[in-house]
Structures are given as structure tokens and as C-alpha cells.
C-alpha atoms as a PDB file:
ATOM      1  CA  MET A   1       0.000   0.000   0.000  1.00  0.00           C
ATOM      2  CA  ARG A   2       1.436   3.352  -1.006  1.00  0.00           C
ATOM      3  CA  PRO A   3       1.848   6.304   1.400  1.00  0.00           C
ATOM      4  CA  ALA A   4      -0.747   9.068   1.650  1.00  0.00           C
ATOM      5  CA  ILE A   5      -1.020  11.565  -1.198  1.00  0.00           C
ATOM      6  CA  VAL A   6      -0.941  15.085   0.266  1.00  0.00           C
ATOM      7  CA  SER A   7      -0.771  18.741  -0.718  1.00  0.00           C
ATOM      8  CA  PRO A   8       2.593  20.493  -1.257  1.00  0.00           C
ATOM      9  CA  GLN A   9       2.100  22.295   2.062  1.00  0.00           C
ATOM     10  CA  GLU A  10       1.510  19.045   3.940  1.00  0.00           C
ATOM     11  CA  TRP A  11       4.507  17.491   2.199  1.00  0.00           C
ATOM     12  CA  ASP A  12       6.703  20.436   3.281  1.00  0.00           C
ATOM     13  CA  ALA A  13       5.515  20.039   6.872  1.00  0.00           C
ATOM     14  CA  ALA A  14       6.319  16.315   6.827  1.00  0.00           C
ATOM     15  CA  ARG A  15       9.723  17.070   5.318  1.00  0.00           C
ATOM     16  CA  GLN A  16      10.543  19.641   8.023  1.00  0.00           C
ATOM     17  CA  ASP A  17       9.480  17.175  10.718  1.00  0.00           C
ATOM     18  CA  LEU A  18      11.810  14.530   9.284  1.00  0.00           C
ATOM     19  CA  LEU A  19      14.612  17.082   8.889  1.00  0.00           C
ATOM     20  CA  VAL A  20      14.706  17.542  12.662  1.00  0.00           C
ATOM     21  CA  ARG A  21      15.447  13.838  13.077  1.00  0.00           C
ATOM     22  CA  GLU A  22      17.982  13.882  10.234  1.00  0.00           C
ATOM     23  CA  LYS A  23      19.906  16.755  11.840  1.00  0.00           C
ATOM     24  CA  GLU A  24      19.916  14.890  15.129  1.00  0.00           C
ATOM     25  CA  MET A  25      21.465  11.944  13.335  1.00  0.00           C
ATOM     26  CA  THR A  26      24.099  14.174  11.704  1.00  0.00           C
ATOM     27  CA  ARG A  27      25.075  15.650  15.066  1.00  0.00           C
ATOM     28  CA  ALA A  28      25.229  12.169  16.576  1.00  0.00           C
ATOM     29  CA  ARG A  29      27.473  11.032  13.721  1.00  0.00           C
ATOM     30  CA  ASP A  30      29.770  14.015  14.314  1.00  0.00           C
ATOM     31  CA  ALA A  31      29.936  13.198  18.035  1.00  0.00           C
ATOM     32  CA  LEU A  32      30.817   9.591  17.238  1.00  0.00           C
ATOM     33  CA  ALA A  33      33.584  10.729  14.886  1.00  0.00           C
ATOM     34  CA  ALA A  34      34.925  12.985  17.656  1.00  0.00           C
ATOM     35  CA  GLN A  35      35.053   9.976  19.979  1.00  0.00           C
ATOM     36  CA  ARG A  36      36.777   7.991  17.259  1.00  0.00           C
ATOM     37  CA  ARG A  37      39.508  10.654  17.038  1.00  0.00           C
ATOM     38  CA  ARG A  38      40.176  10.040  20.724  1.00  0.00           C
ATOM     39  CA  MET A  39      40.658   6.299  20.324  1.00  0.00           C
ATOM     40  CA  PRO A  40      43.971   5.029  21.696  1.00  0.00           C
ATOM     41  CA  TRP A  41      46.599   3.965  19.193  1.00  0.00           C
ATOM     42  CA  VAL A  42      48.561   0.723  19.058  1.00  0.00           C
ATOM     43  CA  ARG A  43      52.097   0.612  17.723  1.00  0.00           C
ATOM     44  CA  VAL A  44      52.715  -1.733  14.781  1.00  0.00           C
ATOM     45  CA  GLU A  45      55.849  -3.605  15.805  1.00  0.00           C
ATOM     46  CA  LYS A  46      55.850  -6.409  13.258  1.00  0.00           C
ATOM     47  CA  PRO A  47      57.288  -5.896   9.753  1.00  0.00           C
ATOM     48  CA  TYR A  48      54.951  -6.612   6.846  1.00  0.00           C
ATOM     49  CA  ALA A  49      55.688  -7.050   3.149  1.00  0.00           C
ATOM     50  CA  PHE A  50      53.459  -6.379   0.151  1.00  0.00           C
ATOM     51  CA  ASP A  51      54.057  -7.030  -3.519  1.00  0.00           C
ATOM     52  CA  GLY A  52      53.325  -4.014  -5.683  1.00  0.00           C
ATOM     53  CA  PRO A  53      53.723  -2.864  -9.276  1.00  0.00           C
ATOM     54  CA  ARG A  54      57.341  -1.875  -8.527  1.00  0.00           C
ATOM     55  CA  GLY A  55      58.316  -4.793  -6.317  1.00  0.00           C
ATOM     56  CA  THR A  56      58.122  -5.622  -2.620  1.00  0.00           C
ATOM     57  CA  VAL A  57      57.412  -2.809  -0.159  1.00  0.00           C
ATOM     58  CA  GLY A  58      56.723  -2.487   3.562  1.00  0.00           C
ATOM     59  CA  LEU A  59      53.736  -1.061   5.437  1.00  0.00           C
ATOM     60  CA  LEU A  60      55.478   2.298   5.807  1.00  0.00           C
ATOM     61  CA  ASP A  61      55.891   2.499   2.025  1.00  0.00           C
ATOM     62  CA  LEU A  62      52.139   2.188   1.538  1.00  0.00           C
ATOM     63  CA  PHE A  63      51.723   5.651   3.103  1.00  0.00           C
ATOM     64  CA  ASP A  64      53.420   7.068  -0.013  1.00  0.00           C
ATOM     65  CA  GLY A  65      54.915   9.819   2.136  1.00  0.00           C
ATOM     66  CA  ARG A  66      51.621  10.911   3.712  1.00  0.00           C
ATOM     67  CA  ARG A  67      50.692  10.947   7.426  1.00  0.00           C
ATOM     68  CA  GLN A  68      47.710   8.590   7.288  1.00  0.00           C
ATOM     69  CA  LEU A  69      46.920   5.315   5.563  1.00  0.00           C
ATOM     70  CA  ILE A  70      43.731   3.321   5.034  1.00  0.00           C
ATOM     71  CA  VAL A  71      44.097  -0.294   3.892  1.00  0.00           C
ATOM     72  CA  TYR A  72      41.057  -2.109   2.530  1.00  0.00           C
ATOM     73  CA  ARG A  73      41.302  -5.880   2.402  1.00  0.00           C
ATOM     74  CA  ALA A  74      39.499  -6.934  -0.783  1.00  0.00           C
ATOM     75  CA  PHE A  75      38.843 -10.582  -1.610  1.00  0.00           C
ATOM     76  CA  PHE A  76      40.412 -11.334  -4.964  1.00  0.00           C
ATOM     77  CA  GLU A  77      42.259 -14.637  -5.037  1.00  0.00           C
ATOM     78  CA  PRO A  78      41.830 -18.288  -6.045  1.00  0.00           C
ATOM     79  CA  GLY A  79      38.727 -19.735  -4.419  1.00  0.00           C
ATOM     80  CA  VAL A  80      36.793 -16.462  -4.458  1.00  0.00           C
ATOM     81  CA  PHE A  81      33.700 -16.538  -6.671  1.00  0.00           C
ATOM     82  CA  GLY A  82      34.475 -14.888 -10.003  1.00  0.00           C
ATOM     83  CA  TRP A  83      38.207 -15.614  -9.960  1.00  0.00           C
ATOM     84  CA  PRO A  84      40.202 -14.655 -11.962  1.00  0.00           C
ATOM     85  CA  GLU A  85      37.970 -12.353 -14.004  1.00  0.00           C
ATOM     86  CA  HIS A  86      36.385 -10.699 -10.967  1.00  0.00           C
ATOM     87  CA  ALA A  87      36.917  -9.991  -7.289  1.00  0.00           C
ATOM     88  CA  CYS A  88      34.171 -10.826  -4.800  1.00  0.00           C
ATOM     89  CA  ARG A  89      30.911  -9.063  -5.640  1.00  0.00           C
ATOM     90  CA  GLY A  90      30.705  -7.172  -2.359  1.00  0.00           C
ATOM     91  CA  CYS A  91      34.310  -5.957  -2.492  1.00  0.00           C
ATOM     92  CA  SER A  92      33.797  -4.991  -6.122  1.00  0.00           C
ATOM     93  CA  MET A  93      30.787  -2.875  -5.212  1.00  0.00           C
ATOM     94  CA  VAL A  94      32.849  -1.131  -2.530  1.00  0.00           C
ATOM     95  CA  ALA A  95      35.583  -0.507  -5.124  1.00  0.00           C
ATOM     96  CA  ASP A  96      33.039   0.954  -7.544  1.00  0.00           C
ATOM     97  CA  HIS A  97      32.204   3.619  -4.955  1.00  0.00           C
ATOM     98  CA  VAL A  98      35.754   4.895  -4.432  1.00  0.00           C
ATOM     99  CA  GLY A  99      35.929   8.554  -5.442  1.00  0.00           C
ATOM    100  CA  ASN A 100      38.865  10.425  -6.917  1.00  0.00           C
ATOM    101  CA  LEU A 101      41.742   9.913  -4.501  1.00  0.00           C
ATOM    102  CA  GLY A 102      43.231  13.343  -5.141  1.00  0.00           C
ATOM    103  CA  HIS A 103      40.875  14.818  -2.543  1.00  0.00           C
ATOM    104  CA  LEU A 104      41.824  12.259   0.091  1.00  0.00           C
ATOM    105  CA  ASN A 105      45.508  12.719  -0.664  1.00  0.00           C
ATOM    106  CA  ALA A 106      45.087  16.472  -0.180  1.00  0.00           C
ATOM    107  CA  ARG A 107      44.222  15.672   3.436  1.00  0.00           C
ATOM    108  CA  ASP A 108      47.536  13.815   3.826  1.00  0.00           C
ATOM    109  CA  THR A 109      45.814  10.421   3.618  1.00  0.00           C
ATOM    110  CA  THR A 110      46.452   7.455   1.332  1.00  0.00           C
ATOM    111  CA  LEU A 111      44.001   4.685   0.459  1.00  0.00           C
ATOM    112  CA  VAL A 112      45.232   1.327  -0.810  1.00  0.00           C
ATOM    113  CA  TYR A 113      43.609  -2.033  -1.508  1.00  0.00           C
ATOM    114  CA  ALA A 114      45.251  -5.348  -0.602  1.00  0.00           C
ATOM    115  CA  SER A 115      44.457  -8.892  -1.721  1.00  0.00           C
ATOM    116  CA  ARG A 116      46.079 -12.307  -2.049  1.00  0.00           C
ATOM    117  CA  ALA A 117      45.987 -12.223  -5.861  1.00  0.00           C
ATOM    118  CA  PRO A 118      49.268 -11.830  -7.792  1.00  0.00           C
ATOM    119  CA  GLN A 119      50.012  -8.417  -9.254  1.00  0.00           C
ATOM    120  CA  VAL A 120      49.475  -9.560 -12.822  1.00  0.00           C
ATOM    121  CA  ASP A 121      45.886 -10.511 -11.996  1.00  0.00           C
ATOM    122  CA  ILE A 122      45.293  -7.323 -10.008  1.00  0.00           C
ATOM    123  CA  ALA A 123      46.504  -5.210 -12.929  1.00  0.00           C
ATOM    124  CA  ALA A 124      44.175  -7.042 -15.304  1.00  0.00           C
ATOM    125  CA  LEU A 125      41.233  -6.638 -12.922  1.00  0.00           C
ATOM    126  CA  LYS A 126      41.821  -2.907 -12.435  1.00  0.00           C
ATOM    127  CA  ASP A 127      42.040  -2.407 -16.185  1.00  0.00           C
ATOM    128  CA  ARG A 128      38.849  -4.378 -16.779  1.00  0.00           C
ATOM    129  CA  MET A 129      36.865  -2.589 -14.094  1.00  0.00           C
ATOM    130  CA  GLY A 130      38.324   0.897 -14.530  1.00  0.00           C
ATOM    131  CA  TRP A 131      39.619   1.121 -10.939  1.00  0.00           C
ATOM    132  CA  GLN A 132      42.480   3.491 -10.138  1.00  0.00           C
ATOM    133  CA  MET A 133      43.324   2.847  -6.474  1.00  0.00           C
ATOM    134  CA  PRO A 134      46.773   1.462  -5.552  1.00  0.00           C
ATOM    135  CA  TRP A 135      46.373  -2.291  -5.019  1.00  0.00           C
ATOM    136  CA  PHE A 136      48.952  -4.524  -3.359  1.00  0.00           C
ATOM    137  CA  THR A 137      49.408  -8.254  -2.847  1.00  0.00           C
ATOM    138  CA  LEU A 138      49.419  -9.663   0.702  1.00  0.00           C
ATOM    139  CA  THR A 139      52.416 -11.911   1.348  1.00  0.00           C
ATOM    140  CA  ASP A 140      52.326 -12.602   5.101  1.00  0.00           C
ATOM    141  CA  ASP A 141      50.078 -12.446   8.186  1.00  0.00           C
ATOM    142  CA  PHE A 142      48.862  -8.864   7.742  1.00  0.00           C
ATOM    143  CA  ASP A 143      45.279  -9.975   7.086  1.00  0.00           C
ATOM    144  CA  THR A 144      45.276 -12.340  10.088  1.00  0.00           C
ATOM    145  CA  ASP A 145      46.833  -9.789  12.427  1.00  0.00           C
ATOM    146  CA  PHE A 146      44.439  -7.005  11.486  1.00  0.00           C
ATOM    147  CA  GLY A 147      41.119  -8.823  11.482  1.00  0.00           C
ATOM    148  CA  VAL A 148      40.604  -9.303   7.755  1.00  0.00           C
ATOM    149  CA  LYS A 149      41.680 -12.882   7.095  1.00  0.00           C
ATOM    150  CA  ASP A 150      38.157 -14.179   6.571  1.00  0.00           C
ATOM    151  CA  PHE A 151      36.228 -10.992   5.792  1.00  0.00           C
ATOM    152  CA  HIS A 152      36.726  -7.574   4.241  1.00  0.00           C
ATOM    153  CA  GLY A 153      37.490  -4.461   6.289  1.00  0.00           C
ATOM    154  CA  HIS A 154      39.235  -1.091   6.466  1.00  0.00           C
ATOM    155  CA  ASN A 155      42.210  -0.581   8.788  1.00  0.00           C
ATOM    156  CA  ALA A 156      43.372   2.984   9.501  1.00  0.00           C
ATOM    157  CA  PHE A 157      46.971   3.837  10.395  1.00  0.00           C
ATOM    158  CA  ILE A 158      49.019   6.934  11.177  1.00  0.00           C
ATOM    159  CA  ARG A 159      52.760   7.405  11.162  1.00  0.00           C
ATOM    160  CA  ASP A 160      55.204   9.485  13.182  1.00  0.00           C
ATOM    161  CA  GLY A 161      58.364   9.401  11.107  1.00  0.00           C
ATOM    162  CA  GLU A 162      59.012   5.688  10.655  1.00  0.00           C
ATOM    163  CA  ASP A 163      56.792   4.632  13.565  1.00  0.00           C
ATOM    164  CA  VAL A 164      53.383   3.301  12.471  1.00  0.00           C
ATOM    165  CA  PHE A 165      50.277   3.047  14.655  1.00  0.00           C
ATOM    166  CA  ARG A 166      46.918   1.383  14.074  1.00  0.00           C
ATOM    167  CA  THR A 167      44.154   3.862  14.931  1.00  0.00           C
ATOM    168  CA  TYR A 168      40.839   2.347  13.801  1.00  0.00           C
ATOM    169  CA  PHE A 169      39.119  -0.601  12.125  1.00  0.00           C
ATOM    170  CA  VAL A 170      35.736  -0.984  10.453  1.00  0.00           C
ATOM    171  CA  ASP A 171      34.156  -3.964   8.691  1.00  0.00           C
ATOM    172  CA  ASN A 172      30.796  -5.633   8.060  1.00  0.00           C
ATOM    173  CA  ARG A 173      28.076  -3.035   7.409  1.00  0.00           C
ATOM    174  CA  GLY A 174      30.477  -0.276   8.359  1.00  0.00           C
ATOM    175  CA  ASP A 175      32.142  -0.812   4.982  1.00  0.00           C
ATOM    176  CA  GLU A 176      28.902   0.116   3.228  1.00  0.00           C
ATOM    177  CA  ALA A 177      29.503   3.810   3.936  1.00  0.00           C
ATOM    178  CA  MET A 178      33.005   3.814   2.480  1.00  0.00           C
ATOM    179  CA  GLY A 179      33.822   5.400  -0.861  1.00  0.00           C
ATOM    180  CA  SER A 180      33.552   9.148  -0.420  1.00  0.00           C
ATOM    181  CA  THR A 181      36.384  11.374   0.774  1.00  0.00           C
ATOM    182  CA  TRP A 182      34.281  12.338   3.796  1.00  0.00           C
ATOM    183  CA  SER A 183      33.571   8.777   4.924  1.00  0.00           C
ATOM    184  CA  TYR A 184      37.244   7.840   4.687  1.00  0.00           C
ATOM    185  CA  LEU A 185      38.398  10.905   6.606  1.00  0.00           C
ATOM    186  CA  ASP A 186      35.808  10.254   9.308  1.00  0.00           C
ATOM    187  CA  ILE A 187      37.477   6.931  10.204  1.00  0.00           C
ATOM    188  CA  THR A 188      40.976   8.416  10.440  1.00  0.00           C
ATOM    189  CA  ALA A 189      42.726   9.645  13.574  1.00  0.00           C
ATOM    190  CA  LEU A 190      42.810  13.242  12.298  1.00  0.00           C
ATOM    191  CA  GLY A 191      39.306  13.329  10.851  1.00  0.00           C
ATOM    192  CA  ARG A 192      38.377  15.914   8.217  1.00  0.00           C
ATOM    193  CA  GLN A 193      40.886  18.344   9.745  1.00  0.00           C
ATOM    194  CA  GLU A 194      38.404  21.244   9.703  1.00  0.00           C
ATOM    195  CA  ASN A 195      38.041  23.690  12.575  1.00  0.00           C
ATOM    196  CA  TRP A 196      34.389  22.940  13.319  1.00  0.00           C
ATOM    197  CA  GLU A 197      35.327  19.442  14.448  1.00  0.00           C
ATOM    198  CA  ASP A 198      35.674  18.521  18.105  1.00  0.00           C
ATOM    199  CA  SER A 199      39.247  17.245  18.013  1.00  0.00           C
ATOM    200  CA  PRO A 200      41.995  17.025  20.632  1.00  0.00           C
ATOM    201  CA  GLU A 201      44.133  20.134  21.037  1.00  0.00           C
ATOM    202  CA  GLY A 202      46.946  20.382  18.522  1.00  0.00           C
ATOM    203  CA  TYR A 203      45.291  18.427  15.723  1.00  0.00           C
ATOM    204  CA  PRO A 204      45.732  20.035  12.271  1.00  0.00           C
ATOM    205  CA  GLN A 205      42.631  22.011  11.235  1.00  0.00           C
ATOM    206  CA  THR A 206      41.681  24.546   8.587  1.00  0.00           C
ATOM    207  CA  PRO A 207      38.446  26.451   7.865  1.00  0.00           C
ATOM    208  CA  PRO A 208      35.773  24.162   6.367  1.00  0.00           C
ATOM    209  CA  TYR A 209      36.063  23.538   2.628  1.00  0.00           C
ATOM    210  CA  GLU A 210      38.972  25.990   2.292  1.00  0.00           C
ATOM    211  CA  TRP A 211      41.232  23.156   1.182  1.00  0.00           C
ATOM    212  CA  LEU A 212      38.916  21.861  -1.567  1.00  0.00           C
ATOM    213  CA  ASN A 213      40.114  22.021  -5.155  1.00  0.00           C
ATOM    214  CA  TRP A 214      39.613  20.326  -8.516  1.00  0.00           C
ATOM    215  CA  HIS A 215      41.182  16.903  -8.267  1.00  0.00           C
ATOM    216  CA  ASP A 216      43.769  17.730 -10.934  1.00  0.00           C
ATOM    217  CA  GLU A 217      44.723  21.077  -9.348  1.00  0.00           C
ATOM    218  CA  TYR A 218      46.025  20.022  -5.939  1.00  0.00           C
ATOM    219  CA  GLY A 219      49.654  21.005  -5.409  1.00  0.00           C
ATOM    220  CA  THR A 220      52.377  18.505  -4.651  1.00  0.00           C
ATOM    221  CA  ASP A 221      53.389  20.315  -1.438  1.00  0.00           C
ATOM    222  CA  LEU A 222      50.525  19.801   0.991  1.00  0.00           C
ATOM    223  CA  PRO A 223      50.041  22.362   3.794  1.00  0.00           C
ATOM    224  CA  VAL A 224      50.489  20.295   6.949  1.00  0.00           C
ATOM    225  CA  ALA A 225      50.452  21.886  10.410  1.00  0.00           C
ATOM    226  CA  GLN A 226      53.920  21.757  11.922  1.00  0.00           C
ATOM    227  CA  GLY A 227      54.582  20.175  15.273  1.00  0.00           C
ATOM    228  CA  TRP A 228      51.081  18.797  15.768  1.00  0.00           C
ATOM    229  CA  LEU A 229      52.190  15.215  16.332  1.00  0.00           C
ATOM    230  CA  ALA A 230      54.502  16.105  19.189  1.00  0.00           C
ATOM    231  CA  GLN A 231      51.536  17.661  20.988  1.00  0.00           C
ATOM    232  CA  ILE A 232      49.407  14.539  20.825  1.00  0.00           C
ATOM    233  CA  ASN A 233      51.966  11.838  21.563  1.00  0.00           C
ATOM    234  CA  ALA A 234      50.233  11.355  24.912  1.00  0.00           C
ATOM    235  CA  HIS A 235      47.554   9.494  22.994  1.00  0.00           C
ATOM    236  CA  VAL A 236      49.955   6.718  22.030  1.00  0.00           C
ATOM    237  CA  ASP A 237      52.327   6.516  24.979  1.00  0.00           C
END
């Protein structure tokens, strides 16, 4: 049975009533993200190796020189339905939602995908599906150690020089929201890095939207607040 058919005025009233609830949800989401930015960190002590287009690299290399890293474990390997022409259907849908990474990179954050498939198969898959994200091959216990051996998930990391820390993890239905720059930043330790956010003192922040640009116009030298990490080391000690 379809909903009631009403006048434009009644529809506007219903919309305004719902908008109150929607704004409550937005504020609750912001409060949750603020709590997430206060999560403790855990130091990554174990070395990990990944095969990439240019050979074997370590976890620190995946940052590509940026402060933050998000690693999505995608299921593309022998035994996964669709192999070798396709990755798992769910992981493929997540991949289809990934926006232009230039915006995420402008916030000093790198996104990479990781699977058990060899690089030759990953390259063929990316070409077939039109995906542009960096995609590496797992070679050790990274997936087991970070909760993604048997299911997909996003792990967030931050680095202080050559020291790497795990800051957050999301999987299951939490992965459904991933894909936009905003959703990725919201799971990182530094958040969106805008001054309306409730973040710990010393976190890098700029006026909202001031940093936005066309994805092909971002400069190579990103404006990063100096000395911020020294002020928040208490969160990891």
C-alpha cells in the first residue's frame, strides 16, 4: 500500500518534521567521529611485506609519504567466486564507490587495496573494471593480524616518522559507507581536519572547505600543520 497523497504544504511540513530527526542523526554522527579521534593507538611492531607494481614494499611504504593510511582488504584470489575475471561481488561494489583519490591525498591520507591475488591478476582486474586505487598483494600475516583474514574491512593507520600506529578498524556493514572522501576521513585519527570538528588540542585544522580544489589542481606540497604530532603523543604513549 502506497503512502498518503498530500498537498505540497503538507509534504513540506512532513519534510521539516523529518529534517529535525535527520539533523539529530548528523550531530550524533559528528559526536561519534569525535570519539573515534580520541581512540587510543597501538604501535605496529611487526614488519609486513606487500608485492606491488614496482616490487616488494613495507607497510610504511604504503603511506606514499603521507601521514595517514587506510588499507582495505578486498577478496580477490583463487577460491573467491568470479576468480580470476572478478573480485568478490561485495568488495567490487565497494571498489566501484571509491571517489577520486586526489581529494583524500590532499588531506595527507592514502588509500590502498590489498588482496592475495598476484600483481598480474590485479593489474588485469583494475584495467577491466576501470579502478584506479593502488592495489597490493598480501604476502604474510597482515590480514590475520588485522582482522581481515576471513572478511573484508578497512584498517586505519598513522605514522610518526618511521613509527606506524593502528588507529581504527571498520568492517561488516560499516564498509557500506566507504567510498567518499568524507567517509574515509571520518574513520581516520585526524578526521576531516576542519576547525568545526571537536578534536583534541593540537590536531591540524583549517576552515571548512577551504582546502577543496579540482582533483587535478592540488599542489604537490601539501600544507600540513607543523609540530602537531609532538603535541598529541600522549595518545599513544
